[in-house]
Amino acid sequence: MRNKIVAGVSLALIAGLALSGCSARGGSDSGDSGSGSGSSSTIKKGDLIGVALPAKTSQNWVLAGAAFKKSIEEAGFKADIQYANAGSPVPDQQSQISGMVTKGAKAVIIGAADGSQLGSQVKAAKAAGATVIAWDRNILNTENVDYYVAFNNFKVGQLQAQALLKGLEEKKGDKPYNVELFAGSADDANATVFFNGAMDVLQPKIDDGTLKVTSGQTTFAKVNTQGWLAQKAQSRMTDLLAQYYTGDTELDGVLSPNDTLARAILTATKAAGKDNPVVTGQDSETASIPLIMQGTQYSTIYKNTTDEAQAAIDLVSDLADGKKPETVKDKNNDNGKKIVPTVELTPVLVTKDNAVEAYKNDATLSELAKKG
């Protein structure tokens, strides 16, 4: 299956599930060269804006397409929005990006299926004079990315870890606590950032004995979930329970990187008779809101997809108006070749206690939260 809602709250629901992600920095960039120091493209109203998105494997990606279409058209541009095929997402997206450049797109916004596999395509886009914008997931190992628009993904991980610790104190009482760690897919350029943010908070608690990772699996290489696939998370959780949590050994909590995996983990724990672990999440998926209000899933992260799409189009509009976009340089947005100038949005932690307030500006999520 991911950064905008400051002061804690203005959220748009179904934003979010596995948008969330980060990729291990592998892969080559096929002879990448170029300065990448800002865009040389001249964008004007009426120009074609290409948007390349991953397969529709999460609620968030589905929402993104509609959000982009609305924002692009309202800003006075033409839209070419395409999704990769789930069966062959990388080659499909590579072809789609190349096609957008051939059609004359003056900006190409890319939610990467695999951020390490697009070096040749973004190099060609830059050579054709297009502005390249990485969206939600960074594009890795290339200088040919002008901007990155995303939530603060390191902060997402920190919030998840803080929620896990708070939930353990509230629900489990005395420490130490037995926990297990899950991360997203290694081909998603957000997953390692989420995990690193979480471990920034959790590692000191592991070191001082507050937390015990019973399996001993604490590295991204050990805990990642390829493809963000629910069945993989459920299978791993089932195996961990069978091997390390027999008899009276309790599982107190699980760091889950998103809501889809959280629900899969909860399915496994329930089947094993371990019914009440503290489980985190992300994306404010509609299927997880009732679980949070019932106390089954402890938390999620709210990332408004509509706001994230609008931020990318606002950036394009600024360029068309001759304005310099307001960006930050965050070391966590280093793509392996450069720290990409970033429009960074703020994620919001949501639990049962603040869900109604957090979702008050989203009719669907607000209604789910109010139902309790």
Protein backbone atom coordinates (compact mmCIF):
# COMPACT_ATOMS: atom_id res chain seq x y z
CA MET A 1 0.00 0.00 0.00
CA ARG A 2 0.79 7.59 1.93
CA ASN A 3 2.12 13.48 4.73
CA LYS A 4 -1.34 17.53 5.63
CA ILE A 5 -3.63 17.85 8.31
CA VAL A 6 -2.01 19.94 10.84
CA ALA A 7 -3.25 20.88 14.31
CA GLY A 8 -4.68 17.53 14.25
CA VAL A 9 -7.52 17.38 12.05
CA SER A 10 -9.21 17.74 8.80
CA LEU A 11 -9.43 14.46 7.13
CA ALA A 12 -10.81 12.86 4.07
CA LEU A 13 -11.59 9.29 4.50
CA ILE A 14 -10.93 6.70 2.25
CA ALA A 15 -7.67 8.30 1.70
CA GLY A 16 -5.27 6.18 2.55
CA LEU A 17 -4.60 2.63 2.68
CA ALA A 18 -1.71 1.28 1.21
CA LEU A 19 -0.65 4.43 -0.23
CA SER A 20 1.50 4.15 2.33
CA GLY A 21 4.75 2.60 1.45
CA CYS A 22 8.63 2.91 0.73
CA SER A 23 11.15 0.98 -1.22
CA ALA A 24 14.50 -0.37 -0.29
CA ARG A 25 17.01 1.49 -2.34
CA GLY A 26 17.86 -1.13 -4.84
CA GLY A 27 17.75 -1.11 -8.59
CA SER A 28 19.68 0.82 -11.14
CA ASP A 29 18.63 3.80 -13.11
CA SER A 30 19.77 2.68 -16.55
CA GLY A 31 22.43 5.22 -17.22
CA ASP A 32 20.78 8.11 -15.46
CA SER A 33 22.40 11.47 -15.86
CA GLY A 34 21.22 15.04 -15.71
CA SER A 35 21.21 17.77 -13.19
CA GLY A 36 17.63 17.44 -12.02
CA SER A 37 18.08 20.82 -10.34
CA GLY A 38 14.58 22.11 -10.79
CA SER A 39 12.41 22.03 -13.89
CA SER A 40 13.26 23.49 -17.26
CA SER A 41 9.70 22.89 -18.43
CA THR A 42 7.45 25.78 -19.39
CA ILE A 43 3.96 24.89 -18.26
CA LYS A 44 0.88 26.88 -19.18
CA LYS A 45 -2.81 26.48 -18.61
CA GLY A 46 -4.38 24.07 -21.07
CA ASP A 47 -1.31 21.83 -21.17
CA LEU A 48 -1.51 18.08 -20.72
CA ILE A 49 -0.69 16.75 -17.25
CA GLY A 50 0.06 13.03 -17.02
CA VAL A 51 -0.66 11.06 -13.85
CA ALA A 52 0.72 7.53 -13.59
CA LEU A 53 -0.63 5.53 -10.66
CA PRO A 54 -0.07 1.95 -9.44
CA ALA A 55 -2.69 -0.74 -9.84
CA LYS A 56 -6.02 -0.26 -8.05
CA THR A 57 -4.99 -2.52 -5.20
CA SER A 58 -6.12 -0.19 -2.42
CA GLN A 59 -8.94 2.16 -1.67
CA ASN A 60 -6.51 5.03 -1.62
CA TRP A 61 -5.26 4.55 -5.17
CA VAL A 62 -8.83 4.39 -6.46
CA LEU A 63 -9.63 7.67 -4.74
CA ALA A 64 -6.49 9.25 -6.11
CA GLY A 65 -7.57 8.98 -9.74
CA ALA A 66 -10.85 10.81 -9.16
CA ALA A 67 -9.14 13.44 -7.00
CA PHE A 68 -6.54 14.15 -9.67
CA LYS A 69 -9.10 14.40 -12.46
CA LYS A 70 -11.10 16.97 -10.54
CA SER A 71 -8.08 19.03 -9.46
CA ILE A 72 -6.45 19.04 -12.90
CA GLU A 73 -9.58 20.09 -14.75
CA GLU A 74 -10.50 22.76 -12.20
CA ALA A 75 -6.98 24.21 -12.50
CA GLY A 76 -7.38 24.57 -16.27
CA PHE A 77 -5.18 21.73 -17.49
CA LYS A 78 -5.90 18.57 -19.46
CA ALA A 79 -5.62 15.24 -17.69
CA ASP A 80 -4.18 11.89 -18.75
CA ILE A 81 -4.61 9.57 -15.75
CA GLN A 82 -3.57 5.95 -16.03
CA TYR A 83 -3.30 2.98 -13.69
CA ALA A 84 -0.80 0.17 -13.99
CA ASN A 85 -2.08 -3.36 -14.46
CA ALA A 86 -1.89 -5.47 -11.31
CA GLY A 87 -0.39 -8.37 -13.23
CA SER A 88 2.58 -6.42 -14.59
CA PRO A 89 2.68 -3.07 -12.76
CA VAL A 90 6.29 -2.07 -13.45
CA PRO A 91 6.51 -2.58 -17.23
CA ASP A 92 2.96 -1.29 -17.60
CA GLN A 93 3.78 1.92 -15.74
CA GLN A 94 7.04 2.37 -17.62
CA SER A 95 5.11 2.18 -20.90
CA GLN A 96 2.42 4.56 -19.69
CA ILE A 97 4.92 7.21 -18.61
CA SER A 98 6.69 6.97 -21.95
CA GLY A 99 3.35 7.37 -23.69
CA MET A 100 2.51 10.48 -21.70
CA VAL A 101 5.80 12.06 -22.70
CA THR A 102 5.16 11.18 -26.36
CA LYS A 103 1.75 12.86 -26.11
CA GLY A 104 3.47 16.05 -24.97
CA ALA A 105 2.69 16.08 -21.24
CA LYS A 106 4.34 19.11 -19.68
CA ALA A 107 4.23 17.60 -16.19
CA VAL A 108 4.26 13.93 -15.25
CA ILE A 109 3.05 13.04 -11.76
CA ILE A 110 4.07 9.54 -10.74
CA GLY A 111 2.81 7.36 -7.92
CA ALA A 112 5.46 4.72 -8.49
CA ALA A 113 4.63 1.04 -8.64
CA ASP A 114 8.34 0.50 -7.94
CA GLY A 115 10.36 3.65 -7.41
CA SER A 116 13.64 1.94 -8.25
CA GLN A 117 12.61 0.98 -11.78
CA LEU A 118 11.75 4.30 -13.44
CA GLY A 119 15.16 5.89 -14.06
CA SER A 120 15.04 5.63 -17.84
CA GLN A 121 11.48 6.92 -18.05
CA VAL A 122 12.02 10.02 -15.91
CA LYS A 123 15.29 10.75 -17.72
CA ALA A 124 13.38 10.73 -21.03
CA ALA A 125 10.64 12.91 -19.55
CA LYS A 126 13.19 15.47 -18.41
CA ALA A 127 14.92 15.38 -21.79
CA ALA A 128 11.57 16.15 -23.42
CA GLY A 129 11.15 19.20 -21.18
CA ALA A 130 8.56 17.81 -18.76
CA THR A 131 8.49 18.50 -15.03
CA VAL A 132 8.71 15.24 -13.09
CA ILE A 133 6.84 15.03 -9.79
CA ALA A 134 7.04 11.97 -7.54
CA TRP A 135 3.74 11.59 -5.73
CA ASP A 136 3.17 9.76 -2.44
CA ARG A 137 6.18 7.50 -3.13
CA ASN A 138 9.62 8.75 -3.98
CA ILE A 139 11.39 7.77 -7.22
CA LEU A 140 14.77 6.32 -6.36
CA ASN A 141 18.35 6.59 -7.57
CA THR A 142 17.85 9.39 -10.08
CA GLU A 143 18.51 13.10 -10.25
CA ASN A 144 15.73 13.55 -12.82
CA VAL A 145 12.97 14.19 -10.29
CA ASP A 146 12.04 17.83 -9.80
CA TYR A 147 9.66 17.59 -6.86
CA TYR A 148 8.12 15.15 -4.41
CA VAL A 149 4.62 15.56 -2.94
CA ALA A 150 3.86 13.35 0.05
CA PHE A 151 2.92 13.11 3.66
CA ASN A 152 5.73 13.17 6.19
CA ASN A 153 6.25 9.42 6.10
CA PHE A 154 8.89 9.31 8.84
CA LYS A 155 6.34 11.05 11.06
CA VAL A 156 3.76 8.42 10.10
CA GLY A 157 6.02 5.72 11.50
CA GLN A 158 6.70 7.70 14.66
CA LEU A 159 2.97 8.19 15.22
CA GLN A 160 2.30 4.49 14.74
CA ALA A 161 4.97 3.59 17.29
CA GLN A 162 3.69 6.15 19.78
CA ALA A 163 0.19 4.73 19.39
CA LEU A 164 1.48 1.20 20.00
CA LEU A 165 3.17 2.27 23.24
CA LYS A 166 0.15 4.22 24.44
CA GLY A 167 -2.20 1.37 23.61
CA LEU A 168 -0.03 -1.11 25.47
CA GLU A 169 -0.06 1.08 28.57
CA GLU A 170 -3.84 1.51 28.38
CA LYS A 171 -4.82 -2.06 27.57
CA LYS A 172 -2.05 -4.25 28.97
CA GLY A 173 -0.99 -2.62 32.19
CA ASP A 174 2.39 -3.68 33.51
CA LYS A 175 5.39 -4.00 31.20
CA PRO A 176 7.37 -5.58 29.64
CA TYR A 177 5.23 -6.23 26.58
CA ASN A 178 5.57 -8.96 23.96
CA VAL A 179 5.29 -7.43 20.48
CA GLU A 180 5.91 -8.26 16.82
CA LEU A 181 6.83 -5.92 13.98
CA PHE A 182 5.47 -5.75 10.43
CA ALA A 183 6.54 -3.45 7.59
CA GLY A 184 5.32 -2.74 4.07
CA SER A 185 6.63 -3.87 0.73
CA ALA A 186 10.31 -3.49 -0.14
CA ASP A 187 9.46 -2.21 -3.61
CA ASP A 188 7.48 0.72 -2.18
CA ALA A 189 9.59 3.80 -1.54
CA ASN A 190 7.69 4.61 1.63
CA ALA A 191 7.81 1.33 3.51
CA THR A 192 11.33 1.70 4.86
CA VAL A 193 10.65 5.30 5.85
CA PHE A 194 7.57 4.25 7.81
CA PHE A 195 9.55 1.49 9.49
CA ASN A 196 12.53 3.71 10.26
CA GLY A 197 10.23 6.29 11.81
CA ALA A 198 8.62 3.63 13.98
CA MET A 199 11.95 2.18 15.08
CA ASP A 200 13.14 5.67 16.00
CA VAL A 201 10.57 5.43 18.80
CA LEU A 202 10.54 1.69 19.48
CA GLN A 203 14.24 0.79 19.46
CA PRO A 204 14.99 2.60 22.74
CA LYS A 205 12.07 0.72 24.33
CA ILE A 206 13.42 -2.57 23.00
CA ASP A 207 16.86 -1.70 24.32
CA ASP A 208 15.61 -0.85 27.83
CA GLY A 209 13.42 -3.95 28.08
CA THR A 210 10.03 -2.24 27.91
CA LEU A 211 9.32 -4.16 24.71
CA LYS A 212 10.30 -7.72 23.89
CA VAL A 213 10.15 -8.78 20.25
CA THR A 214 9.64 -12.43 21.05
CA SER A 215 10.57 -13.70 17.58
CA GLY A 216 13.73 -11.61 17.50
CA GLN A 217 12.72 -10.29 14.05
CA THR A 218 13.48 -6.58 14.14
CA THR A 219 15.00 -5.66 10.77
CA PHE A 220 13.15 -4.44 7.71
CA ALA A 221 14.56 -7.38 5.75
CA LYS A 222 12.88 -9.78 8.19
CA VAL A 223 9.55 -8.02 8.68
CA ASN A 224 8.64 -6.55 5.28
CA THR A 225 5.46 -7.69 3.52
CA GLN A 226 5.96 -8.07 -0.22
CA GLY A 227 3.29 -6.34 -2.27
CA TRP A 228 1.50 -5.13 0.87
CA LEU A 229 -0.49 -8.35 0.49
CA ALA A 230 -2.89 -9.17 3.31
CA GLN A 231 -2.49 -12.91 2.84
CA LYS A 232 1.27 -12.64 3.36
CA ALA A 233 0.83 -10.72 6.60
CA GLN A 234 -1.80 -13.15 7.85
CA SER A 235 0.39 -16.13 7.02
CA ARG A 236 3.43 -14.65 8.76
CA MET A 237 1.41 -13.74 11.85
CA THR A 238 -0.01 -17.26 11.97
CA ASP A 239 3.50 -18.73 11.78
CA LEU A 240 4.82 -16.39 14.48
CA LEU A 241 1.98 -17.32 16.82
CA ALA A 242 2.52 -21.04 16.27
CA GLN A 243 6.25 -20.79 16.89
CA TYR A 244 6.60 -18.20 19.64
CA TYR A 245 3.23 -17.77 21.38
CA THR A 246 2.13 -21.21 22.46
CA GLY A 247 0.53 -21.89 25.81
CA ASP A 248 0.25 -18.90 28.10
CA THR A 249 2.68 -16.68 26.16
CA GLU A 250 0.71 -13.59 25.29
CA LEU A 251 1.06 -11.36 22.25
CA ASP A 252 0.50 -7.86 23.59
CA GLY A 253 0.90 -5.74 20.46
CA VAL A 254 1.76 -5.58 16.77
CA LEU A 255 3.23 -2.73 14.76
CA SER A 256 1.24 -2.87 11.52
CA PRO A 257 2.14 -0.38 8.77
CA ASN A 258 -1.37 -0.04 7.31
CA ASP A 259 -5.00 -0.96 7.80
CA THR A 260 -5.14 -3.77 5.26
CA LEU A 261 -2.34 -5.62 7.01
CA ALA A 262 -3.79 -4.77 10.43
CA ARG A 263 -7.02 -6.54 9.57
CA ALA A 264 -5.10 -9.56 8.28
CA ILE A 265 -3.02 -9.68 11.46
CA LEU A 266 -6.17 -9.48 13.59
CA THR A 267 -7.70 -12.35 11.62
CA ALA A 268 -4.67 -14.49 12.45
CA THR A 269 -4.62 -13.56 16.13
CA LYS A 270 -8.31 -14.27 16.53
CA ALA A 271 -7.95 -17.68 14.91
CA ALA A 272 -5.14 -18.48 17.36
CA GLY A 273 -7.15 -17.37 20.35
CA LYS A 274 -5.00 -14.31 20.93
CA ASP A 275 -7.91 -11.93 20.75
CA ASN A 276 -6.79 -8.63 22.19
CA PRO A 277 -3.43 -7.36 20.92
CA VAL A 278 -2.84 -3.64 20.37
CA VAL A 279 -2.57 -3.27 16.56
CA THR A 280 -1.72 -0.09 14.67
CA GLY A 281 -2.58 0.87 11.09
CA GLN A 282 -2.63 3.59 8.44
CA ASP A 283 -4.86 5.06 5.75
CA SER A 284 -8.20 5.36 7.54
CA GLU A 285 -9.77 2.64 5.41
CA THR A 286 -13.51 2.36 5.73
CA ALA A 287 -13.26 -1.30 6.78
CA SER A 288 -11.02 -0.39 9.73
CA ILE A 289 -12.97 2.53 11.19
CA PRO A 290 -15.64 0.28 12.80
CA LEU A 291 -12.87 -1.92 14.22
CA ILE A 292 -11.23 1.11 15.79
CA MET A 293 -14.48 2.36 17.27
CA GLN A 294 -15.12 -1.15 18.69
CA GLY A 295 -11.62 -1.28 20.17
CA THR A 296 -10.47 -4.19 18.00
CA GLN A 297 -7.87 -2.21 16.02
CA TYR A 298 -6.23 0.42 18.17
CA SER A 299 -5.25 3.14 15.70
CA THR A 300 -4.87 4.33 12.15
CA ILE A 301 -3.29 7.29 10.38
CA TYR A 302 -5.37 9.78 8.44
CA LYS A 303 -3.86 11.01 5.16
CA ASN A 304 -6.27 12.90 2.96
CA THR A 305 -5.80 11.70 -0.61
CA THR A 306 -7.79 14.61 -2.01
CA ASP A 307 -5.50 17.10 -0.27
CA GLU A 308 -2.42 15.24 -1.46
CA ALA A 309 -3.58 15.30 -5.08
CA GLN A 310 -4.52 18.97 -4.80
CA ALA A 311 -1.07 19.78 -3.42
CA ALA A 312 0.53 18.32 -6.55
CA ILE A 313 -1.72 20.32 -8.86
CA ASP A 314 -1.19 23.49 -6.82
CA LEU A 315 2.53 22.94 -7.40
CA VAL A 316 1.95 22.64 -11.16
CA SER A 317 -0.21 25.77 -11.09
CA ASP A 318 2.53 27.68 -9.30
CA LEU A 319 4.98 26.69 -12.01
CA ALA A 320 2.51 27.77 -14.70
CA ASP A 321 2.14 31.13 -12.94
CA GLY A 322 5.90 31.59 -12.76
CA LYS A 323 5.99 31.12 -8.99
CA LYS A 324 8.58 29.14 -7.07
CA PRO A 325 6.83 26.32 -5.17
CA GLU A 326 7.30 26.24 -1.41
CA THR A 327 9.21 23.08 -0.58
CA VAL A 328 11.32 21.58 2.18
CA LYS A 329 14.56 19.61 2.08
CA ASP A 330 14.08 16.57 4.33
CA LYS A 331 16.84 13.98 4.64
CA ASN A 332 14.17 11.28 4.73
CA ASN A 333 13.29 12.24 1.14
CA ASP A 334 16.78 11.43 -0.13
CA ASN A 335 16.22 9.20 -3.17
CA GLY A 336 19.78 7.92 -3.31
CA LYS A 337 21.00 10.62 -5.67
CA LYS A 338 19.48 13.78 -4.21
CA ILE A 339 17.22 15.09 -1.48
CA VAL A 340 14.17 15.84 -3.58
CA PRO A 341 12.49 19.22 -2.88
CA THR A 342 9.27 18.21 -1.19
CA VAL A 343 5.79 19.54 -0.59
CA GLU A 344 5.23 17.77 2.71
CA LEU A 345 1.82 17.25 4.30
CA THR A 346 1.15 16.33 7.92
CA PRO A 347 -0.43 13.01 8.89
CA VAL A 348 -2.87 12.66 11.80
CA LEU A 349 -3.00 9.82 14.32
CA VAL A 350 -6.55 8.57 14.85
CA THR A 351 -7.84 6.43 17.72
CA LYS A 352 -11.30 5.83 19.10
CA ASP A 353 -10.86 8.88 21.30
CA ASN A 354 -10.40 11.46 18.52
CA ALA A 355 -11.96 9.80 15.47
CA VAL A 356 -15.16 11.86 15.37
CA GLU A 357 -13.21 15.11 15.54
CA ALA A 358 -10.51 13.92 13.14
CA TYR A 359 -12.99 12.93 10.46
CA LYS A 360 -15.46 15.78 10.93
CA ASN A 361 -14.86 17.16 7.44
CA ASP A 362 -15.31 13.81 5.72
CA ALA A 363 -18.92 12.69 5.54
CA THR A 364 -18.23 8.98 5.04
CA LEU A 365 -15.58 8.57 7.71
CA SER A 366 -17.40 10.84 10.13
CA GLU A 367 -20.53 8.75 9.87
CA LEU A 368 -18.58 5.55 10.49
CA ALA A 369 -16.91 7.08 13.53
CA LYS A 370 -20.22 8.30 14.95
CA LYS A 371 -21.77 4.85 14.65
CA GLY A 372 -19.18 3.65 17.13
